[in-house]
PDB file of N, CA and C in Angstrom:
ATOM      1  N   MET A   1     166.951 134.027 107.184  1.00  0.00           N
ATOM      2  CA  MET A   1     167.206 133.334 105.946  1.00  0.00           C
ATOM      3  C   MET A   1     168.653 133.583 105.514  1.00  0.00           C
ATOM      4  N   GLN A   2     169.319 132.529 105.138  1.00  0.00           N
ATOM      5  CA  GLN A   2     170.715 132.639 104.714  1.00  0.00           C
ATOM      6  C   GLN A   2     170.785 132.728 103.195  1.00  0.00           C
ATOM      7  N   ILE A   3     171.520 133.702 102.684  1.00  0.00           N
ATOM      8  CA  ILE A   3     171.675 133.857 101.242  1.00  0.00           C
ATOM      9  C   ILE A   3     172.949 133.139 100.833  1.00  0.00           C
ATOM     10  N   ARG A   4     172.846 132.276  99.830  1.00  0.00           N
ATOM     11  CA  ARG A   4     173.995 131.517  99.359  1.00  0.00           C
ATOM     12  C   ARG A   4     174.358 131.983  97.959  1.00  0.00           C
ATOM     13  N   VAL A   5     175.612 132.370  97.807  1.00  0.00           N
ATOM     14  CA  VAL A   5     176.082 132.873  96.517  1.00  0.00           C
ATOM     15  C   VAL A   5     177.493 132.344  96.253  1.00  0.00           C
ATOM     16  N   THR A   6     177.926 132.451  95.019  1.00  0.00           N
ATOM     17  CA  THR A   6     179.305 132.095  94.687  1.00  0.00           C
ATOM     18  C   THR A   6     180.225 133.250  95.079  1.00  0.00           C
ATOM     19  N   ALA A   7     181.498 132.945  95.229  1.00  0.00           N
ATOM     20  CA  ALA A   7     182.489 133.966  95.584  1.00  0.00           C
ATOM     21  C   ALA A   7     183.451 134.148  94.423  1.00  0.00           C
ATOM     22  N   PRO A   8     183.949 135.347  94.213  1.00  0.00           N
ATOM     23  CA  PRO A   8     184.933 135.567  93.152  1.00  0.00           C
ATOM     24  C   PRO A   8     186.184 134.710  93.368  1.00  0.00           C
ATOM     25  N   VAL A   9     186.794 134.275  92.302  1.00  0.00           N
ATOM     26  CA  VAL A   9     188.013 133.470  92.377  1.00  0.00           C
ATOM     27  C   VAL A   9     189.078 134.236  93.155  1.00  0.00           C
ATOM     28  N   GLY A  10     189.770 133.532  94.044  1.00  0.00           N
ATOM     29  CA  GLY A  10     190.823 134.153  94.841  1.00  0.00           C
ATOM     30  C   GLY A  10     190.325 134.864  96.078  1.00  0.00           C
ATOM     31  N   SER A  11     189.063 134.644  96.466  1.00  0.00           N
ATOM     32  CA  SER A  11     188.501 135.304  97.645  1.00  0.00           C
ATOM     33  C   SER A  11     189.081 134.770  98.948  1.00  0.00           C
ATOM     34  N   PHE A  12     189.591 133.559  98.933  1.00  0.00           N
ATOM     35  CA  PHE A  12     190.090 132.917 100.138  1.00  0.00           C
ATOM     36  C   PHE A  12     191.548 132.538  99.969  1.00  0.00           C
ATOM     37  N   LYS A  13     192.217 132.290 101.076  1.00  0.00           N
ATOM     38  CA  LYS A  13     193.623 131.901 101.034  1.00  0.00           C
ATOM     39  C   LYS A  13     193.770 130.530 100.372  1.00  0.00           C
ATOM     40  N   PRO A  14     194.917 130.260  99.737  1.00  0.00           N
ATOM     41  CA  PRO A  14     195.136 128.951  99.116  1.00  0.00           C
ATOM     42  C   PRO A  14     195.332 127.872 100.176  1.00  0.00           C
ATOM     43  N   ASN A  15     195.101 126.613  99.790  1.00  0.00           N
ATOM     44  CA  ASN A  15     195.354 125.501 100.697  1.00  0.00           C
ATOM     45  C   ASN A  15     196.849 125.198 100.743  1.00  0.00           C
ATOM     46  N   GLN A  16     197.235 124.128 101.424  1.00  0.00           N
ATOM     47  CA  GLN A  16     198.652 123.807 101.586  1.00  0.00           C
ATOM     48  C   GLN A  16     199.348 123.471 100.274  1.00  0.00           C
ATOM     49  N   PHE A  17     198.586 123.214  99.204  1.00  0.00           N
ATOM     50  CA  PHE A  17     199.164 122.935  97.893  1.00  0.00           C
ATOM     51  C   PHE A  17     199.211 124.175  97.005  1.00  0.00           C
ATOM     52  N   GLY A  18     198.758 125.308  97.550  1.00  0.00           N
ATOM     53  CA  GLY A  18     198.751 126.542  96.781  1.00  0.00           C
ATOM     54  C   GLY A  18     197.563 126.669  95.842  1.00  0.00           C
ATOM     55  N   ILE A  19     196.516 125.855  96.063  1.00  0.00           N
ATOM     56  CA  ILE A  19     195.336 125.873  95.199  1.00  0.00           C
ATOM     57  C   ILE A  19     194.248 126.706  95.863  1.00  0.00           C
ATOM     58  N   PHE A  20     193.693 127.641  95.113  1.00  0.00           N
ATOM     59  CA  PHE A  20     192.634 128.503  95.623  1.00  0.00           C
ATOM     60  C   PHE A  20     191.259 127.889  95.373  1.00  0.00           C
ATOM     61  N   ASP A  21     190.320 128.232  96.234  1.00  0.00           N
ATOM     62  CA  ASP A  21     188.887 127.991  96.010  1.00  0.00           C
ATOM     63  C   ASP A  21     188.564 126.527  95.690  1.00  0.00           C
ATOM     64  N   THR A  22     189.027 125.613  96.532  1.00  0.00           N
ATOM     65  CA  THR A  22     188.779 124.191  96.252  1.00  0.00           C
ATOM     66  C   THR A  22     187.392 123.741  96.672  1.00  0.00           C
ATOM     67  N   VAL A  23     186.691 124.525  97.456  1.00  0.00           N
ATOM     68  CA  VAL A  23     185.337 124.145  97.862  1.00  0.00           C
ATOM     69  C   VAL A  23     184.423 125.358  97.883  1.00  0.00           C
ATOM     70  N   GLY A  24     183.130 125.114  97.741  1.00  0.00           N
ATOM     71  CA  GLY A  24     182.148 126.148  97.980  1.00  0.00           C
ATOM     72  C   GLY A  24     181.483 126.800  96.797  1.00  0.00           C
ATOM     73  N   ASN A  25     182.124 126.925  95.659  1.00  0.00           N
ATOM     74  CA  ASN A  25     181.438 127.551  94.532  1.00  0.00           C
ATOM     75  C   ASN A  25     180.603 126.519  93.784  1.00  0.00           C
ATOM     76  N   VAL A  26     181.231 125.520  93.245  1.00  0.00           N
ATOM     77  CA  VAL A  26     180.507 124.432  92.581  1.00  0.00           C
ATOM     78  C   VAL A  26     181.138 123.100  92.967  1.00  0.00           C
ATOM     79  N   LEU A  27     180.340 122.038  92.934  1.00  0.00           N
ATOM     80  CA  LEU A  27     180.883 120.697  93.073  1.00  0.00           C
ATOM     81  C   LEU A  27     181.769 120.454  91.864  1.00  0.00           C
ATOM     82  N   GLU A  28     182.851 119.726  92.031  1.00  0.00           N
ATOM     83  CA  GLU A  28     183.773 119.504  90.915  1.00  0.00           C
ATOM     84  C   GLU A  28     183.734 118.056  90.454  1.00  0.00           C
ATOM     85  N   TRP A  29     183.606 117.888  89.138  1.00  0.00           N
ATOM     86  CA  TRP A  29     183.697 116.554  88.550  1.00  0.00           C
ATOM     87  C   TRP A  29     185.078 116.004  88.834  1.00  0.00           C
ATOM     88  N   THR A  30     185.182 114.700  89.063  1.00  0.00           N
ATOM     89  CA  THR A  30     186.478 114.041  89.145  1.00  0.00           C
ATOM     90  C   THR A  30     186.524 112.984  88.048  1.00  0.00           C
ATOM     91  N   CYS A  31     187.655 112.354  87.901  1.00  0.00           N
ATOM     92  CA  CYS A  31     187.799 111.302  86.895  1.00  0.00           C
ATOM     93  C   CYS A  31     187.703 109.924  87.541  1.00  0.00           C
ATOM     94  N   SER A  32     187.214 109.864  88.770  1.00  0.00           N
ATOM     95  CA  SER A  32     187.161 108.621  89.527  1.00  0.00           C
ATOM     96  C   SER A  32     185.775 107.993  89.511  1.00  0.00           C
ATOM     97  N   GLU A  33     185.767 106.671  89.550  1.00  0.00           N
ATOM     98  CA  GLU A  33     184.511 105.921  89.597  1.00  0.00           C
ATOM     99  C   GLU A  33     183.908 106.001  90.996  1.00  0.00           C
ATOM    100  N   TYR A  34     182.593 106.149  91.070  1.00  0.00           N
ATOM    101  CA  TYR A  34     181.899 106.226  92.353  1.00  0.00           C
ATOM    102  C   TYR A  34     181.538 104.836  92.853  1.00  0.00           C
ATOM    103  N   THR A  35     181.740 104.601  94.141  1.00  0.00           N
ATOM    104  CA  THR A  35     181.243 103.403  94.824  1.00  0.00           C
ATOM    105  C   THR A  35     180.570 103.872  96.102  1.00  0.00           C
ATOM    106  N   ASP A  36     179.561 103.122  96.560  1.00  0.00           N
ATOM    107  CA  ASP A  36     178.837 103.510  97.776  1.00  0.00           C
ATOM    108  C   ASP A  36     179.750 103.667  98.978  1.00  0.00           C
ATOM    109  N   THR A  37     180.642 102.731  99.160  1.00  0.00           N
ATOM    110  CA  THR A  37     181.578 102.813 100.274  1.00  0.00           C
ATOM    111  C   THR A  37     182.931 103.238  99.726  1.00  0.00           C
ATOM    112  N   TYR A  38     183.581 104.105 100.455  1.00  0.00           N
ATOM    113  CA  TYR A  38     184.881 104.599 100.007  1.00  0.00           C
ATOM    114  C   TYR A  38     185.915 103.507 100.235  1.00  0.00           C
ATOM    115  N   ILE A  39     186.452 102.945  99.145  1.00  0.00           N
ATOM    116  CA  ILE A  39     187.421 101.854  99.258  1.00  0.00           C
ATOM    117  C   ILE A  39     188.734 102.179  98.544  1.00  0.00           C
ATOM    118  N   GLY A  40     189.002 103.453  98.348  1.00  0.00           N
ATOM    119  CA  GLY A  40     190.265 103.859  97.748  1.00  0.00           C
ATOM    120  C   GLY A  40     190.261 103.960  96.234  1.00  0.00           C
ATOM    121  N   LYS A  41     189.154 103.611  95.577  1.00  0.00           N
ATOM    122  CA  LYS A  41     189.115 103.693  94.114  1.00  0.00           C
ATOM    123  C   LYS A  41     189.299 105.117  93.617  1.00  0.00           C
ATOM    124  N   GLU A  42     188.975 106.085  94.455  1.00  0.00           N
ATOM    125  CA  GLU A  42     189.024 107.480  94.024  1.00  0.00           C
ATOM    126  C   GLU A  42     190.436 108.022  93.929  1.00  0.00           C
ATOM    127  N   THR A  43     191.417 107.225  94.246  1.00  0.00           N
ATOM    128  CA  THR A  43     192.795 107.681  94.098  1.00  0.00           C
ATOM    129  C   THR A  43     193.280 107.507  92.668  1.00  0.00           C
ATOM    130  N   ASN A  44     192.503 106.821  91.841  1.00  0.00           N
ATOM    131  CA  ASN A  44     192.876 106.579  90.450  1.00  0.00           C
ATOM    132  C   ASN A  44     191.780 107.042  89.506  1.00  0.00           C
ATOM    133  N   CYS A  45     192.189 107.578  88.368  1.00  0.00           N
ATOM    134  CA  CYS A  45     191.222 107.934  87.329  1.00  0.00           C
ATOM    135  C   CYS A  45     190.766 106.672  86.603  1.00  0.00           C
ATOM    136  N   LEU A  46     189.563 106.733  86.074  1.00  0.00           N
ATOM    137  CA  LEU A  46     189.106 105.635  85.226  1.00  0.00           C
ATOM    138  C   LEU A  46     190.027 105.546  84.022  1.00  0.00           C
ATOM    139  N   ASP A  47     190.354 104.351  83.610  1.00  0.00           N
ATOM    140  CA  ASP A  47     191.261 104.198  82.468  1.00  0.00           C
ATOM    141  C   ASP A  47     190.516 103.933  81.172  1.00  0.00           C
ATOM    142  N   LYS A  48     189.255 104.319  81.145  1.00  0.00           N
ATOM    143  CA  LYS A  48     188.444 104.142  79.944  1.00  0.00           C
ATOM    144  C   LYS A  48     187.578 105.378  79.759  1.00  0.00           C
ATOM    145  N   ILE A  49     187.049 105.524  78.590  1.00  0.00           N
ATOM    146  CA  ILE A  49     186.144 106.636  78.307  1.00  0.00           C
ATOM    147  C   ILE A  49     184.819 106.363  79.001  1.00  0.00           C
ATOM    148  N   ILE A  50     184.299 107.362  79.675  1.00  0.00           N
ATOM    149  CA  ILE A  50     183.020 107.212  80.365  1.00  0.00           C
ATOM    150  C   ILE A  50     181.911 107.246  79.329  1.00  0.00           C
ATOM    151  N   THR A  51     181.136 106.173  79.291  1.00  0.00           N
ATOM    152  CA  THR A  51     180.117 106.036  78.253  1.00  0.00           C
ATOM    153  C   THR A  51     178.704 106.310  78.750  1.00  0.00           C
ATOM    154  N   GLY A  52     178.548 106.507  80.037  1.00  0.00           N
ATOM    155  CA  GLY A  52     177.221 106.771  80.569  1.00  0.00           C
ATOM    156  C   GLY A  52     176.758 105.719  81.553  1.00  0.00           C
ATOM    157  N   GLY A  53     177.360 104.541  81.539  1.00  0.00           N
ATOM    158  CA  GLY A  53     176.981 103.491  82.464  1.00  0.00           C
ATOM    159  C   GLY A  53     177.669 103.592  83.808  1.00  0.00           C
ATOM    160  N   GLU A  54     178.827 104.256  83.837  1.00  0.00           N
ATOM    161  CA  GLU A  54     179.578 104.388  85.074  1.00  0.00           C
ATOM    162  C   GLU A  54     179.080 105.584  85.870  1.00  0.00           C
ATOM    163  N   LEU A  55     179.249 105.497  87.184  1.00  0.00           N
ATOM    164  CA  LEU A  55     178.957 106.623  88.054  1.00  0.00           C
ATOM    165  C   LEU A  55     180.296 107.226  88.453  1.00  0.00           C
ATOM    166  N   VAL A  56     180.373 108.537  88.480  1.00  0.00           N
ATOM    167  CA  VAL A  56     181.616 109.206  88.834  1.00  0.00           C
ATOM    168  C   VAL A  56     181.434 110.034  90.099  1.00  0.00           C
ATOM    169  N   VAL A  57     182.540 110.430  90.693  1.00  0.00           N
ATOM    170  CA  VAL A  57     182.524 111.190  91.941  1.00  0.00           C
ATOM    171  C   VAL A  57     182.543 112.678  91.628  1.00  0.00           C
ATOM    172  N   ILE A  58     181.703 113.414  92.336  1.00  0.00           N
ATOM    173  CA  ILE A  58     181.792 114.871  92.336  1.00  0.00           C
ATOM    174  C   ILE A  58     182.073 115.279  93.785  1.00  0.00           C
ATOM    175  N   ARG A  59     182.925 116.288  93.951  1.00  0.00           N
ATOM    176  CA  ARG A  59     183.405 116.667  95.286  1.00  0.00           C
ATOM    177  C   ARG A  59     183.356 118.165  95.540  1.00  0.00           C
ATOM    178  N   GLY A  60     183.351 118.513  96.821  1.00  0.00           N
ATOM    179  CA  GLY A  60     183.683 119.869  97.226  1.00  0.00           C
ATOM    180  C   GLY A  60     182.587 120.746  97.782  1.00  0.00           C
ATOM    181  N   GLY A  61     181.340 120.423  97.619  1.00  0.00           N
ATOM    182  CA  GLY A  61     180.292 121.302  98.111  1.00  0.00           C
ATOM    183  C   GLY A  61     180.034 122.454  97.156  1.00  0.00           C
ATOM    184  N   ALA A  62     178.805 122.857  97.034  1.00  0.00           N
ATOM    185  CA  ALA A  62     178.418 123.900  96.089  1.00  0.00           C
ATOM    186  C   ALA A  62     177.753 125.075  96.807  1.00  0.00           C
ATOM    187  N   TRP A  63     177.569 126.140  96.084  1.00  0.00           N
ATOM    188  CA  TRP A  63     176.998 127.368  96.628  1.00  0.00           C
ATOM    189  C   TRP A  63     175.609 127.172  97.210  1.00  0.00           C
ATOM    190  N   ASP A  64     174.874 126.142  96.781  1.00  0.00           N
ATOM    191  CA  ASP A  64     173.499 125.959  97.244  1.00  0.00           C
ATOM    192  C   ASP A  64     173.390 124.984  98.411  1.00  0.00           C
ATOM    193  N   GLU A  65     174.514 124.554  98.976  1.00  0.00           N
ATOM    194  CA  GLU A  65     174.488 123.590 100.068  1.00  0.00           C
ATOM    195  C   GLU A  65     174.841 124.237 101.402  1.00  0.00           C
ATOM    196  N   LYS A  66     174.562 123.506 102.467  1.00  0.00           N
ATOM    197  CA  LYS A  66     174.884 123.980 103.809  1.00  0.00           C
ATOM    198  C   LYS A  66     176.401 124.037 103.984  1.00  0.00           C
ATOM    199  N   PRO A  67     176.911 124.961 104.810  1.00  0.00           N
ATOM    200  CA  PRO A  67     178.356 125.120 104.995  1.00  0.00           C
ATOM    201  C   PRO A  67     179.089 123.830 105.385  1.00  0.00           C
ATOM    202  N   GLY A  68     178.465 122.960 106.142  1.00  0.00           N
ATOM    203  CA  GLY A  68     179.107 121.721 106.556  1.00  0.00           C
ATOM    204  C   GLY A  68     179.468 120.799 105.403  1.00  0.00           C
ATOM    205  N   LYS A  69     178.853 120.994 104.261  1.00  0.00           N
ATOM    206  CA  LYS A  69     179.159 120.173 103.087  1.00  0.00           C
ATOM    207  C   LYS A  69     180.202 120.816 102.183  1.00  0.00           C
ATOM    208  N   CYS A  70     180.644 122.014 102.515  1.00  0.00           N
ATOM    209  CA  CYS A  70     181.655 122.699 101.710  1.00  0.00           C
ATOM    210  C   CYS A  70     183.038 122.313 102.193  1.00  0.00           C
ATOM    211  N   ARG A  71     183.417 121.098 101.871  1.00  0.00           N
ATOM    212  CA  ARG A  71     184.722 120.568 102.258  1.00  0.00           C
ATOM    213  C   ARG A  71     185.161 119.561 101.205  1.00  0.00           C
ATOM    214  N   VAL A  72     186.449 119.360 101.071  1.00  0.00           N
ATOM    215  CA  VAL A  72     186.989 118.482 100.043  1.00  0.00           C
ATOM    216  C   VAL A  72     186.502 117.049 100.209  1.00  0.00           C
ATOM    217  N   SER A  73     186.310 116.607 101.440  1.00  0.00           N
ATOM    218  CA  SER A  73     185.897 115.226 101.668  1.00  0.00           C
ATOM    219  C   SER A  73     184.421 114.980 101.350  1.00  0.00           C
ATOM    220  N   HIS A  74     183.647 116.026 101.118  1.00  0.00           N
ATOM    221  CA  HIS A  74     182.239 115.852 100.746  1.00  0.00           C
ATOM    222  C   HIS A  74     182.175 115.282  99.333  1.00  0.00           C
ATOM    223  N   ARG A  75     181.476 114.164  99.172  1.00  0.00           N
ATOM    224  CA  ARG A  75     181.398 113.511  97.865  1.00  0.00           C
ATOM    225  C   ARG A  75     179.962 113.130  97.557  1.00  0.00           C
ATOM    226  N   LYS A  76     179.657 113.164  96.282  1.00  0.00           N
ATOM    227  CA  LYS A  76     178.342 112.769  95.780  1.00  0.00           C
ATOM    228  C   LYS A  76     178.541 111.945  94.521  1.00  0.00           C
ATOM    229  N   VAL A  77     177.481 111.281  94.129  1.00  0.00           N
ATOM    230  CA  VAL A  77     177.516 110.526  92.883  1.00  0.00           C
ATOM    231  C   VAL A  77     177.169 111.467  91.726  1.00  0.00           C
ATOM    232  N   GLY A  78     177.889 111.313  90.649  1.00  0.00           N
ATOM    233  CA  GLY A  78     177.616 112.081  89.445  1.00  0.00           C
ATOM    234  C   GLY A  78     177.282 111.142  88.301  1.00  0.00           C
ATOM    235  N   TYR A  79     176.393 111.574  87.457  1.00  0.00           N
ATOM    236  CA  TYR A  79     175.987 110.784  86.299  1.00  0.00           C
ATOM    237  C   TYR A  79     176.562 111.425  85.043  1.00  0.00           C
ATOM    238  N   PRO A  80     177.376 110.703  84.299  1.00  0.00           N
ATOM    239  CA  PRO A  80     177.967 111.289  83.089  1.00  0.00           C
ATOM    240  C   PRO A  80     176.890 111.928  82.201  1.00  0.00           C
ATOM    241  N   GLY A  81     177.167 113.107  81.740  1.00  0.00           N
ATOM    242  CA  GLY A  81     176.204 113.828  80.906  1.00  0.00           C
ATOM    243  C   GLY A  81     175.262 114.717  81.698  1.00  0.00           C
ATOM    244  N   GLU A  82     175.273 114.594  83.020  1.00  0.00           N
ATOM    245  CA  GLU A  82     174.409 115.415  83.864  1.00  0.00           C
ATOM    246  C   GLU A  82     174.863 116.869  83.810  1.00  0.00           C
ATOM    247  N   ARG A  83     173.936 117.795  83.790  1.00  0.00           N
ATOM    248  CA  ARG A  83     174.248 119.221  83.757  1.00  0.00           C
ATOM    249  C   ARG A  83     173.459 119.933  84.846  1.00  0.00           C
ATOM    250  N   SER A  84     174.075 120.901  85.496  1.00  0.00           N
ATOM    251  CA  SER A  84     173.376 121.718  86.479  1.00  0.00           C
ATOM    252  C   SER A  84     174.178 122.996  86.725  1.00  0.00           C
ATOM    253  N   ASN A  85     173.604 123.911  87.466  1.00  0.00           N
ATOM    254  CA  ASN A  85     174.300 125.163  87.754  1.00  0.00           C
ATOM    255  C   ASN A  85     175.154 125.073  89.012  1.00  0.00           C
ATOM    256  N   PHE A  86     175.287 123.881  89.601  1.00  0.00           N
ATOM    257  CA  PHE A  86     176.140 123.731  90.771  1.00  0.00           C
ATOM    258  C   PHE A  86     177.196 122.639  90.608  1.00  0.00           C
ATOM    259  N   ILE A  87     177.423 122.173  89.366  1.00  0.00           N
ATOM    260  CA  ILE A  87     178.490 121.209  89.085  1.00  0.00           C
ATOM    261  C   ILE A  87     179.397 121.795  88.013  1.00  0.00           C
ATOM    262  N   GLY A  88     180.702 121.715  88.239  1.00  0.00           N
ATOM    263  CA  GLY A  88     181.658 122.251  87.279  1.00  0.00           C
ATOM    264  C   GLY A  88     182.932 121.451  87.273  1.00  0.00           C
ATOM    265  N   PHE A  89     184.001 122.058  86.827  1.00  0.00           N
ATOM    266  CA  PHE A  89     185.295 121.405  86.821  1.00  0.00           C
ATOM    267  C   PHE A  89     186.364 122.463  87.035  1.00  0.00           C
ATOM    268  N   ARG A  90     187.541 122.014  87.386  1.00  0.00           N
ATOM    269  CA  ARG A  90     188.647 122.924  87.651  1.00  0.00           C
ATOM    270  C   ARG A  90     189.586 122.935  86.459  1.00  0.00           C
ATOM    271  N   VAL A  91     189.956 124.112  86.033  1.00  0.00           N
ATOM    272  CA  VAL A  91     190.943 124.271  84.975  1.00  0.00           C
ATOM    273  C   VAL A  91     192.267 124.577  85.662  1.00  0.00           C
ATOM    274  N   VAL A  92     193.273 123.794  85.333  1.00  0.00           N
ATOM    275  CA  VAL A  92     194.579 123.940  85.962  1.00  0.00           C
ATOM    276  C   VAL A  92     195.627 124.231  84.922  1.00  0.00           C
ATOM    277  N   ARG A  93     196.496 125.161  85.220  1.00  0.00           N
ATOM    278  CA  ARG A  93     197.629 125.459  84.360  1.00  0.00           C
ATOM    279  C   ARG A  93     198.894 125.239  85.165  1.00  0.00           C
ATOM    280  N   GLU A  94     199.760 124.394  84.654  1.00  0.00           N
ATOM    281  CA  GLU A  94     201.008 124.111  85.332  1.00  0.00           C
ATOM    282  C   GLU A  94     202.027 125.185  84.955  1.00  0.00           C
ATOM    283  N   LEU A  95     202.612 125.792  85.959  1.00  0.00           N
ATOM    284  CA  LEU A  95     203.627 126.810  85.715  1.00  0.00           C
ATOM    285  C   LEU A  95     204.987 126.149  85.600  1.00  0.00           C
ATOM    286  N   LYS A  96     205.771 126.596  84.628  1.00  0.00           N
ATOM    287  CA  LYS A  96     207.110 126.006  84.439  1.00  0.00           C
ATOM    288  C   LYS A  96     208.174 127.012  84.743  1.00  0.00           C
TER     289      LYS A  96
END
């Protein structure tokens, strides 16, 4: 039996952009609209307030999934207002 747990922040080396922990702890909400087929819409944020009718993209793989899904290209549909213990968001601080 495989035990799946979250890892402390900074447990792994940063990616080529210097960002740590981009996959594996929780799926991350994005600001992009979800479509069944990937047609490039995810390169842009929605330009309106999400009211509940739109589907959004969540990415990255979570602690409760198989290792093969813990990658940036892994995407799922998210429903605005949905809550769970495996969906979160990234807080970013720009250094000046």
